[in-house]
Amino acid sequence: MTLADRIASYRDLIEKWLHGLYHGMVEGPAFELIEKEAEDTDDVFMLACFADAFGIPSPISYYTAELLPYLADEFAGWERRLWDRGTLVERKGQQYHF
C-alpha cells in the first residue's frame, strides 16, 4: 500500500466520520423539528375540516365532508394521533425543552 492509498483511505474515513457527526448534530434534529411542524400543520387542517369527529360543532363540517373521500386514508391515523397525544401546549413546549 502506497502513501497515496493510505492518505486516500484515511481521507475517506474522516469524511464518513464528519458526515455522521454533521448528520447527528444538525440534519437529524432539524428533520425531526420539520416533521413535527408539518404534522402539527396537518393536524390543524384536519381538525378544522373534521372537528365534529371530536364533538366540536363546526358549521364548515357540512362543506368539508366532500373532502373525506380524498382524506380517508389519513383520517384514521390522524384521529388516533390526536387521541393519543397530549395537549397542543404540551407538544409545543417540547420544542423548547428537550
N, C-alpha and C. Protein backbone atom coordinates (compact mmCIF):
# COMPACT_ATOMS: atom_id res chain seq x y z
N MET A 1 0.85 -1.17 0.00
CA MET A 1 0.00 0.00 0.00
C MET A 1 0.89 1.24 0.00
N THR A 2 0.65 2.10 -0.96
CA THR A 2 1.48 3.29 -1.10
C THR A 2 0.96 4.38 -0.16
N LEU A 3 1.76 5.38 -0.03
CA LEU A 3 1.40 6.51 0.83
C LEU A 3 0.14 7.21 0.31
N ALA A 4 0.00 7.32 -0.99
CA ALA A 4 -1.19 7.97 -1.57
C ALA A 4 -2.46 7.16 -1.26
N ASP A 5 -2.36 5.83 -1.28
CA ASP A 5 -3.52 4.98 -0.94
C ASP A 5 -3.90 5.13 0.52
N ARG A 6 -2.88 5.19 1.39
CA ARG A 6 -3.16 5.38 2.81
C ARG A 6 -3.84 6.72 3.07
N ILE A 7 -3.35 7.76 2.43
CA ILE A 7 -3.94 9.09 2.59
C ILE A 7 -5.37 9.10 2.08
N ALA A 8 -5.63 8.46 0.94
CA ALA A 8 -6.98 8.40 0.37
C ALA A 8 -7.93 7.64 1.29
N SER A 9 -7.48 6.51 1.84
CA SER A 9 -8.35 5.73 2.74
C SER A 9 -8.60 6.50 4.04
N TYR A 10 -7.59 7.18 4.55
CA TYR A 10 -7.76 7.99 5.76
C TYR A 10 -8.72 9.15 5.49
N ARG A 11 -8.60 9.77 4.33
CA ARG A 11 -9.49 10.87 3.96
C ARG A 11 -10.94 10.40 3.86
N ASP A 12 -11.15 9.21 3.26
CA ASP A 12 -12.50 8.65 3.17
C ASP A 12 -13.07 8.37 4.56
N LEU A 13 -12.24 7.84 5.43
CA LEU A 13 -12.69 7.56 6.80
C LEU A 13 -13.08 8.84 7.52
N ILE A 14 -12.28 9.86 7.40
CA ILE A 14 -12.57 11.15 8.05
C ILE A 14 -13.83 11.78 7.47
N GLU A 15 -14.01 11.70 6.14
CA GLU A 15 -15.21 12.27 5.52
C GLU A 15 -16.47 11.56 6.01
N LYS A 16 -16.43 10.23 6.13
CA LYS A 16 -17.58 9.48 6.65
C LYS A 16 -17.87 9.87 8.09
N TRP A 17 -16.82 9.99 8.89
CA TRP A 17 -16.99 10.35 10.28
C TRP A 17 -17.58 11.76 10.42
N LEU A 18 -17.06 12.71 9.64
CA LEU A 18 -17.57 14.08 9.70
C LEU A 18 -19.01 14.17 9.20
N HIS A 19 -19.34 13.39 8.16
CA HIS A 19 -20.72 13.37 7.68
C HIS A 19 -21.66 12.83 8.76
N GLY A 20 -21.24 11.76 9.45
CA GLY A 20 -22.05 11.20 10.54
C GLY A 20 -22.22 12.20 11.67
N LEU A 21 -21.16 12.90 12.01
CA LEU A 21 -21.23 13.92 13.06
C LEU A 21 -22.18 15.05 12.67
N TYR A 22 -22.06 15.51 11.42
CA TYR A 22 -22.93 16.58 10.93
C TYR A 22 -24.39 16.12 10.93
N HIS A 23 -24.63 14.90 10.46
CA HIS A 23 -26.00 14.39 10.43
C HIS A 23 -26.57 14.27 11.85
N GLY A 24 -25.76 13.80 12.78
CA GLY A 24 -26.24 13.63 14.15
C GLY A 24 -26.48 14.93 14.88
N MET A 25 -25.71 15.96 14.55
CA MET A 25 -25.83 17.22 15.29
C MET A 25 -26.73 18.24 14.60
N VAL A 26 -26.80 18.21 13.28
CA VAL A 26 -27.52 19.26 12.55
C VAL A 26 -28.71 18.70 11.78
N GLU A 27 -28.47 17.76 10.88
CA GLU A 27 -29.53 17.28 10.00
C GLU A 27 -30.62 16.53 10.75
N GLY A 28 -30.25 15.61 11.60
CA GLY A 28 -31.23 14.78 12.30
C GLY A 28 -32.23 15.58 13.11
N PRO A 29 -31.77 16.43 14.04
CA PRO A 29 -32.73 17.23 14.81
C PRO A 29 -33.54 18.19 13.94
N ALA A 30 -32.93 18.72 12.89
CA ALA A 30 -33.67 19.64 12.01
C ALA A 30 -34.79 18.90 11.30
N PHE A 31 -34.51 17.70 10.80
CA PHE A 31 -35.56 16.92 10.14
C PHE A 31 -36.68 16.58 11.11
N GLU A 32 -36.34 16.25 12.35
CA GLU A 32 -37.36 15.92 13.35
C GLU A 32 -38.26 17.13 13.62
N LEU A 33 -37.66 18.30 13.75
CA LEU A 33 -38.46 19.50 14.00
C LEU A 33 -39.34 19.83 12.81
N ILE A 34 -38.82 19.68 11.61
CA ILE A 34 -39.61 19.96 10.41
C ILE A 34 -40.77 18.97 10.31
N GLU A 35 -40.52 17.69 10.60
CA GLU A 35 -41.58 16.69 10.55
C GLU A 35 -42.65 16.96 11.59
N LYS A 36 -42.25 17.35 12.80
CA LYS A 36 -43.24 17.66 13.84
C LYS A 36 -44.08 18.87 13.44
N GLU A 37 -43.45 19.89 12.90
CA GLU A 37 -44.18 21.09 12.50
C GLU A 37 -45.15 20.78 11.36
N ALA A 38 -44.71 19.97 10.40
CA ALA A 38 -45.60 19.59 9.30
C ALA A 38 -46.77 18.76 9.82
N GLU A 39 -46.50 17.89 10.77
CA GLU A 39 -47.57 17.08 11.37
C GLU A 39 -48.56 17.97 12.12
N ASP A 40 -48.06 18.95 12.85
CA ASP A 40 -48.95 19.87 13.56
C ASP A 40 -49.81 20.67 12.60
N THR A 41 -49.23 21.14 11.50
CA THR A 41 -49.98 21.89 10.50
C THR A 41 -51.05 21.01 9.87
N ASP A 42 -50.70 19.77 9.57
CA ASP A 42 -51.66 18.83 9.01
C ASP A 42 -52.78 18.55 10.01
N ASP A 43 -52.43 18.40 11.29
CA ASP A 43 -53.45 18.16 12.32
C ASP A 43 -54.41 19.32 12.45
N VAL A 44 -53.89 20.53 12.37
CA VAL A 44 -54.76 21.72 12.47
C VAL A 44 -55.72 21.78 11.29
N PHE A 45 -55.22 21.47 10.09
CA PHE A 45 -56.09 21.46 8.91
C PHE A 45 -57.18 20.41 9.05
N MET A 46 -56.80 19.21 9.45
CA MET A 46 -57.78 18.13 9.60
C MET A 46 -58.78 18.46 10.70
N LEU A 47 -58.34 19.07 11.78
CA LEU A 47 -59.27 19.45 12.85
C LEU A 47 -60.23 20.53 12.39
N ALA A 48 -59.75 21.46 11.57
CA ALA A 48 -60.63 22.50 11.04
C ALA A 48 -61.68 21.89 10.11
N CYS A 49 -61.29 20.87 9.38
CA CYS A 49 -62.23 20.24 8.44
C CYS A 49 -63.18 19.28 9.13
N PHE A 50 -62.70 18.52 10.10
CA PHE A 50 -63.50 17.45 10.69
C PHE A 50 -63.58 17.59 12.21
N ALA A 51 -63.88 18.77 12.68
CA ALA A 51 -63.98 18.99 14.13
C ALA A 51 -65.13 18.22 14.75
N ASP A 52 -66.16 17.93 13.98
CA ASP A 52 -67.31 17.22 14.53
C ASP A 52 -66.96 15.78 14.90
N ALA A 53 -65.85 15.25 14.42
CA ALA A 53 -65.42 13.90 14.80
C ALA A 53 -65.03 13.85 16.27
N PHE A 54 -64.71 14.99 16.85
CA PHE A 54 -64.34 15.07 18.26
C PHE A 54 -65.42 15.77 19.09
N GLY A 55 -66.59 15.96 18.51
CA GLY A 55 -67.69 16.56 19.25
C GLY A 55 -67.65 18.08 19.30
N ILE A 56 -66.85 18.69 18.46
CA ILE A 56 -66.78 20.15 18.40
C ILE A 56 -67.67 20.60 17.25
N PRO A 57 -68.75 21.30 17.55
CA PRO A 57 -69.63 21.71 16.45
C PRO A 57 -68.94 22.72 15.55
N SER A 58 -69.06 22.49 14.26
CA SER A 58 -68.41 23.36 13.29
C SER A 58 -69.32 23.51 12.09
N PRO A 59 -69.64 24.74 11.72
CA PRO A 59 -70.53 24.93 10.57
C PRO A 59 -69.89 24.55 9.24
N ILE A 60 -68.58 24.54 9.15
CA ILE A 60 -67.96 24.21 7.87
C ILE A 60 -67.85 22.71 7.65
N SER A 61 -68.17 21.90 8.66
CA SER A 61 -68.08 20.45 8.51
C SER A 61 -68.99 19.94 7.41
N TYR A 62 -70.10 20.61 7.21
CA TYR A 62 -71.03 20.22 6.14
C TYR A 62 -70.35 20.33 4.77
N TYR A 63 -69.57 21.37 4.59
CA TYR A 63 -68.91 21.59 3.30
C TYR A 63 -67.63 20.77 3.15
N THR A 64 -66.93 20.56 4.26
CA THR A 64 -65.68 19.80 4.18
C THR A 64 -65.91 18.30 4.15
N ALA A 65 -67.13 17.86 4.35
CA ALA A 65 -67.42 16.42 4.25
C ALA A 65 -67.13 15.91 2.85
N GLU A 66 -67.16 16.78 1.87
CA GLU A 66 -66.84 16.38 0.50
C GLU A 66 -65.38 15.99 0.35
N LEU A 67 -64.52 16.45 1.27
CA LEU A 67 -63.10 16.11 1.21
C LEU A 67 -62.80 14.73 1.80
N LEU A 68 -63.75 14.17 2.52
CA LEU A 68 -63.50 12.92 3.22
C LEU A 68 -63.05 11.78 2.31
N PRO A 69 -63.61 11.59 1.13
CA PRO A 69 -63.09 10.51 0.28
C PRO A 69 -61.62 10.69 -0.10
N TYR A 70 -61.17 11.92 -0.21
CA TYR A 70 -59.77 12.17 -0.57
C TYR A 70 -58.83 12.05 0.63
N LEU A 71 -59.34 12.29 1.81
CA LEU A 71 -58.52 12.26 3.01
C LEU A 71 -58.80 11.05 3.89
N ALA A 72 -59.53 10.08 3.38
CA ALA A 72 -59.93 8.91 4.19
C ALA A 72 -58.73 8.11 4.66
N ASP A 73 -57.70 8.00 3.84
CA ASP A 73 -56.51 7.24 4.24
C ASP A 73 -55.80 7.90 5.42
N GLU A 74 -55.80 9.21 5.47
CA GLU A 74 -55.12 9.93 6.54
C GLU A 74 -56.01 10.11 7.77
N PHE A 75 -57.32 9.95 7.61
CA PHE A 75 -58.25 10.26 8.69
C PHE A 75 -58.06 9.36 9.91
N ALA A 76 -57.92 8.06 9.70
CA ALA A 76 -57.79 7.13 10.83
C ALA A 76 -56.50 7.39 11.60
N GLY A 77 -55.41 7.59 10.90
CA GLY A 77 -54.14 7.89 11.57
C GLY A 77 -54.17 9.20 12.31
N TRP A 78 -54.81 10.19 11.72
CA TRP A 78 -54.92 11.50 12.36
C TRP A 78 -55.76 11.41 13.64
N GLU A 79 -56.87 10.70 13.56
CA GLU A 79 -57.74 10.57 14.74
C GLU A 79 -57.01 9.84 15.86
N ARG A 80 -56.30 8.79 15.53
CA ARG A 80 -55.54 8.04 16.54
C ARG A 80 -54.44 8.92 17.14
N ARG A 81 -53.77 9.71 16.30
CA ARG A 81 -52.72 10.60 16.80
C ARG A 81 -53.27 11.64 17.76
N LEU A 82 -54.43 12.18 17.45
CA LEU A 82 -54.99 13.21 18.33
C LEU A 82 -55.46 12.63 19.66
N TRP A 83 -56.01 11.43 19.64
CA TRP A 83 -56.46 10.84 20.91
C TRP A 83 -55.28 10.43 21.77
N ASP A 84 -54.19 9.98 21.17
CA ASP A 84 -53.03 9.52 21.93
C ASP A 84 -52.16 10.66 22.43
N ARG A 85 -52.16 11.74 21.70
CA ARG A 85 -51.27 12.86 22.02
C ARG A 85 -51.80 13.67 23.20
N GLY A 86 -50.88 14.28 23.91
CA GLY A 86 -51.26 15.17 24.99
C GLY A 86 -51.81 16.47 24.42
N THR A 87 -51.83 17.50 25.18
CA THR A 87 -52.38 18.76 24.72
C THR A 87 -51.44 19.42 23.72
N LEU A 88 -51.97 20.37 22.97
CA LEU A 88 -51.17 21.08 21.99
C LEU A 88 -50.10 21.92 22.69
N VAL A 89 -50.43 22.47 23.86
CA VAL A 89 -49.46 23.26 24.62
C VAL A 89 -48.29 22.37 25.04
N GLU A 90 -48.61 21.14 25.44
CA GLU A 90 -47.57 20.20 25.83
C GLU A 90 -46.65 19.87 24.65
N ARG A 91 -47.26 19.69 23.49
CA ARG A 91 -46.49 19.36 22.29
C ARG A 91 -45.58 20.53 21.89
N LYS A 92 -46.11 21.74 21.93
CA LYS A 92 -45.29 22.90 21.57
C LYS A 92 -44.21 23.16 22.61
N GLY A 93 -44.49 22.85 23.85
CA GLY A 93 -43.49 23.02 24.90
C GLY A 93 -42.30 22.10 24.73
N GLN A 94 -42.52 20.95 24.08
CA GLN A 94 -41.42 20.02 23.85
C GLN A 94 -40.41 20.58 22.86
N GLN A 95 -40.82 21.53 22.05
CA GLN A 95 -39.88 22.12 21.10
C GLN A 95 -38.76 22.87 21.81
N TYR A 96 -39.09 23.45 22.94
CA TYR A 96 -38.12 24.32 23.62
C TYR A 96 -37.44 23.65 24.80
N HIS A 97 -37.98 22.52 25.26
CA HIS A 97 -37.39 21.80 26.39
C HIS A 97 -37.20 20.35 25.99
N PHE A 98 -35.99 20.02 25.61
CA PHE A 98 -35.71 18.66 25.13
C PHE A 98 -35.65 17.75 26.25
